[in-house]
Amino acid sequence: MDKEKTILLNGASDRSYIFTIYPWQTLLVCSSVIYVVLRQDRFGYSVIYIGSTGMLSGHISDHPLLIEFNEADKTHIGIHIEPSSLMREVKQKDLVMNFMPTLNRDER
């Protein structure tokens, strides 16, 4: 099995968060996560969307922004486990403030 790929993403606070990266079509079952929808190109990863959930089950293909993810050419999803719902919210906002993804415009 291949070694899991991880990336560090910085928030506006300059704190770094480790995300494990999976191809978009990967079936994931995990609880208490911050997730990032990513597009990979020859320069690396671009952040399309930053979300959080208490349960990510199966595939994210039922997300309400799926059409927008497809239009943005999503390729991967990144997962950061955070058991505390309060800290998930804090970290998500920190990351959104730094990356300012267009699809998170209502969460700034």
C-alpha atoms as a PDB file:
ATOM      1  CA  MET A   1       0.000   0.000   0.000  1.00  0.00           C
ATOM      2  CA  ASP A   2       1.224   3.497  -0.825  1.00  0.00           C
ATOM      3  CA  LYS A   3       2.312   5.795   1.956  1.00  0.00           C
ATOM      4  CA  GLU A   4      -0.399   8.297   2.819  1.00  0.00           C
ATOM      5  CA  LYS A   5       0.229  11.736   1.395  1.00  0.00           C
ATOM      6  CA  THR A   6      -0.075  14.722   3.712  1.00  0.00           C
ATOM      7  CA  ILE A   7       0.136  18.486   3.270  1.00  0.00           C
ATOM      8  CA  LEU A   8       0.398  21.366   5.711  1.00  0.00           C
ATOM      9  CA  LEU A   9      -2.116  24.167   5.352  1.00  0.00           C
ATOM     10  CA  ASN A  10      -1.679  27.408   7.273  1.00  0.00           C
ATOM     11  CA  GLY A  11      -4.498  29.431   8.737  1.00  0.00           C
ATOM     12  CA  ALA A  12      -4.666  33.223   8.979  1.00  0.00           C
ATOM     13  CA  SER A  13      -3.343  32.834  12.542  1.00  0.00           C
ATOM     14  CA  ASP A  14      -0.197  31.246  11.037  1.00  0.00           C
ATOM     15  CA  ARG A  15      -1.049  27.937  12.709  1.00  0.00           C
ATOM     16  CA  SER A  16      -0.367  24.880  10.539  1.00  0.00           C
ATOM     17  CA  TYR A  17      -2.765  21.978  10.136  1.00  0.00           C
ATOM     18  CA  ILE A  18      -1.866  18.569   8.703  1.00  0.00           C
ATOM     19  CA  PHE A  19      -4.258  17.143   6.116  1.00  0.00           C
ATOM     20  CA  THR A  20      -4.157  13.610   4.733  1.00  0.00           C
ATOM     21  CA  ILE A  21      -4.865  13.733   0.996  1.00  0.00           C
ATOM     22  CA  TYR A  22      -7.016  11.221  -0.895  1.00  0.00           C
ATOM     23  CA  PRO A  23      -8.110  11.031  -4.536  1.00  0.00           C
ATOM     24  CA  TRP A  24     -11.629  12.461  -4.928  1.00  0.00           C
ATOM     25  CA  GLN A  25     -13.258   9.088  -5.651  1.00  0.00           C
ATOM     26  CA  THR A  26     -11.982   7.519  -2.387  1.00  0.00           C
ATOM     27  CA  LEU A  27     -14.735   6.238  -0.097  1.00  0.00           C
ATOM     28  CA  LEU A  28     -14.108   7.696   3.346  1.00  0.00           C
ATOM     29  CA  VAL A  29     -15.728   6.993   6.692  1.00  0.00           C
ATOM     30  CA  CYS A  30     -14.426   9.260   9.415  1.00  0.00           C
ATOM     31  CA  SER A  31     -15.871  11.386  12.160  1.00  0.00           C
ATOM     32  CA  SER A  32     -15.027  14.828  13.458  1.00  0.00           C
ATOM     33  CA  VAL A  33     -13.117  16.290  10.519  1.00  0.00           C
ATOM     34  CA  ILE A  34     -12.236  19.449   8.723  1.00  0.00           C
ATOM     35  CA  TYR A  35     -12.049  18.705   5.009  1.00  0.00           C
ATOM     36  CA  VAL A  36     -10.641  20.580   2.059  1.00  0.00           C
ATOM     37  CA  VAL A  37     -11.683  20.080  -1.533  1.00  0.00           C
ATOM     38  CA  LEU A  38      -8.567  20.403  -3.693  1.00  0.00           C
ATOM     39  CA  ARG A  39      -7.519  20.722  -7.308  1.00  0.00           C
ATOM     40  CA  GLN A  40      -4.094  19.330  -8.162  1.00  0.00           C
ATOM     41  CA  ASP A  41      -2.063  20.704 -11.030  1.00  0.00           C
ATOM     42  CA  ARG A  42       1.612  20.757 -11.914  1.00  0.00           C
ATOM     43  CA  PHE A  43       2.260  23.417  -9.242  1.00  0.00           C
ATOM     44  CA  GLY A  44       0.629  21.523  -6.372  1.00  0.00           C
ATOM     45  CA  TYR A  45      -2.801  21.821  -4.743  1.00  0.00           C
ATOM     46  CA  SER A  46      -5.293  24.677  -4.867  1.00  0.00           C
ATOM     47  CA  VAL A  47      -7.936  24.944  -2.151  1.00  0.00           C
ATOM     48  CA  ILE A  48     -11.456  25.024  -3.625  1.00  0.00           C
ATOM     49  CA  TYR A  49     -13.520  24.684  -0.441  1.00  0.00           C
ATOM     50  CA  ILE A  50     -13.010  24.206   3.307  1.00  0.00           C
ATOM     51  CA  GLY A  51     -15.695  22.460   5.323  1.00  0.00           C
ATOM     52  CA  SER A  52     -16.205  20.606   8.582  1.00  0.00           C
ATOM     53  CA  THR A  53     -18.484  17.836   9.714  1.00  0.00           C
ATOM     54  CA  GLY A  54     -19.137  15.529  12.617  1.00  0.00           C
ATOM     55  CA  MET A  55     -19.388  12.580  10.218  1.00  0.00           C
ATOM     56  CA  LEU A  56     -17.996  12.104   6.741  1.00  0.00           C
ATOM     57  CA  SER A  57     -19.498   8.854   5.553  1.00  0.00           C
ATOM     58  CA  GLY A  58     -18.981   7.197   2.230  1.00  0.00           C
ATOM     59  CA  HIS A  59     -18.395   9.658  -0.568  1.00  0.00           C
ATOM     60  CA  ILE A  60     -18.779  13.420  -0.515  1.00  0.00           C
ATOM     61  CA  SER A  61     -20.646  13.239  -3.841  1.00  0.00           C
ATOM     62  CA  ASP A  62     -23.917  14.253  -2.169  1.00  0.00           C
ATOM     63  CA  HIS A  63     -22.454  17.616  -1.066  1.00  0.00           C
ATOM     64  CA  PRO A  64     -24.728  20.580  -1.969  1.00  0.00           C
ATOM     65  CA  LEU A  65     -21.800  22.258  -3.767  1.00  0.00           C
ATOM     66  CA  LEU A  66     -20.907  19.215  -5.911  1.00  0.00           C
ATOM     67  CA  ILE A  67     -21.704  21.004  -9.186  1.00  0.00           C
ATOM     68  CA  GLU A  68     -19.395  23.858  -8.169  1.00  0.00           C
ATOM     69  CA  PHE A  69     -16.670  21.362  -7.139  1.00  0.00           C
ATOM     70  CA  ASN A  70     -16.932  19.730 -10.574  1.00  0.00           C
ATOM     71  CA  GLU A  71     -16.790  23.107 -12.334  1.00  0.00           C
ATOM     72  CA  ALA A  72     -13.642  23.933 -10.311  1.00  0.00           C
ATOM     73  CA  ASP A  73     -12.051  20.649 -11.465  1.00  0.00           C
ATOM     74  CA  LYS A  74     -11.705  19.060  -8.019  1.00  0.00           C
ATOM     75  CA  THR A  75      -9.247  16.159  -7.869  1.00  0.00           C
ATOM     76  CA  HIS A  76      -8.662  15.390  -4.172  1.00  0.00           C
ATOM     77  CA  ILE A  77     -10.040  15.727  -0.671  1.00  0.00           C
ATOM     78  CA  GLY A  78      -7.930  16.431   2.395  1.00  0.00           C
ATOM     79  CA  ILE A  79      -8.917  15.331   5.900  1.00  0.00           C
ATOM     80  CA  HIS A  80      -7.844  16.804   9.257  1.00  0.00           C
ATOM     81  CA  ILE A  81      -9.290  15.013  12.297  1.00  0.00           C
ATOM     82  CA  GLU A  82     -10.442  17.276  15.139  1.00  0.00           C
ATOM     83  CA  PRO A  83     -12.658  15.716  17.858  1.00  0.00           C
ATOM     84  CA  SER A  84     -13.830  19.054  19.328  1.00  0.00           C
ATOM     85  CA  SER A  85     -16.716  20.666  17.432  1.00  0.00           C
ATOM     86  CA  LEU A  86     -15.646  24.066  18.786  1.00  0.00           C
ATOM     87  CA  MET A  87     -12.070  23.588  17.547  1.00  0.00           C
ATOM     88  CA  ARG A  88     -13.349  22.354  14.150  1.00  0.00           C
ATOM     89  CA  GLU A  89     -15.202  25.635  13.791  1.00  0.00           C
ATOM     90  CA  VAL A  90     -12.189  27.687  14.933  1.00  0.00           C
ATOM     91  CA  LYS A  91      -9.781  25.870  12.607  1.00  0.00           C
ATOM     92  CA  GLN A  92     -12.172  26.004   9.645  1.00  0.00           C
ATOM     93  CA  LYS A  93     -12.591  29.771  10.055  1.00  0.00           C
ATOM     94  CA  ASP A  94      -8.824  30.207  10.449  1.00  0.00           C
ATOM     95  CA  LEU A  95      -8.211  28.358   7.172  1.00  0.00           C
ATOM     96  CA  VAL A  96     -11.043  30.136   5.324  1.00  0.00           C
ATOM     97  CA  MET A  97      -9.655  33.524   6.372  1.00  0.00           C
ATOM     98  CA  ASN A  98      -6.248  32.590   4.951  1.00  0.00           C
ATOM     99  CA  PHE A  99      -7.271  30.877   1.693  1.00  0.00           C
ATOM    100  CA  MET A 100     -10.543  32.768   1.079  1.00  0.00           C
ATOM    101  CA  PRO A 101     -11.947  30.094  -1.282  1.00  0.00           C
ATOM    102  CA  THR A 102     -14.678  31.471  -3.544  1.00  0.00           C
ATOM    103  CA  LEU A 103     -17.072  28.689  -2.505  1.00  0.00           C
ATOM    104  CA  ASN A 104     -16.703  29.683   1.172  1.00  0.00           C
ATOM    105  CA  ARG A 105     -17.683  33.310   0.495  1.00  0.00           C
ATOM    106  CA  ASP A 106     -20.695  33.132   2.842  1.00  0.00           C
ATOM    107  CA  GLU A 107     -18.540  31.880   5.741  1.00  0.00           C
ATOM    108  CA  ARG A 108     -16.056  34.748   5.987  1.00  0.00           C
END
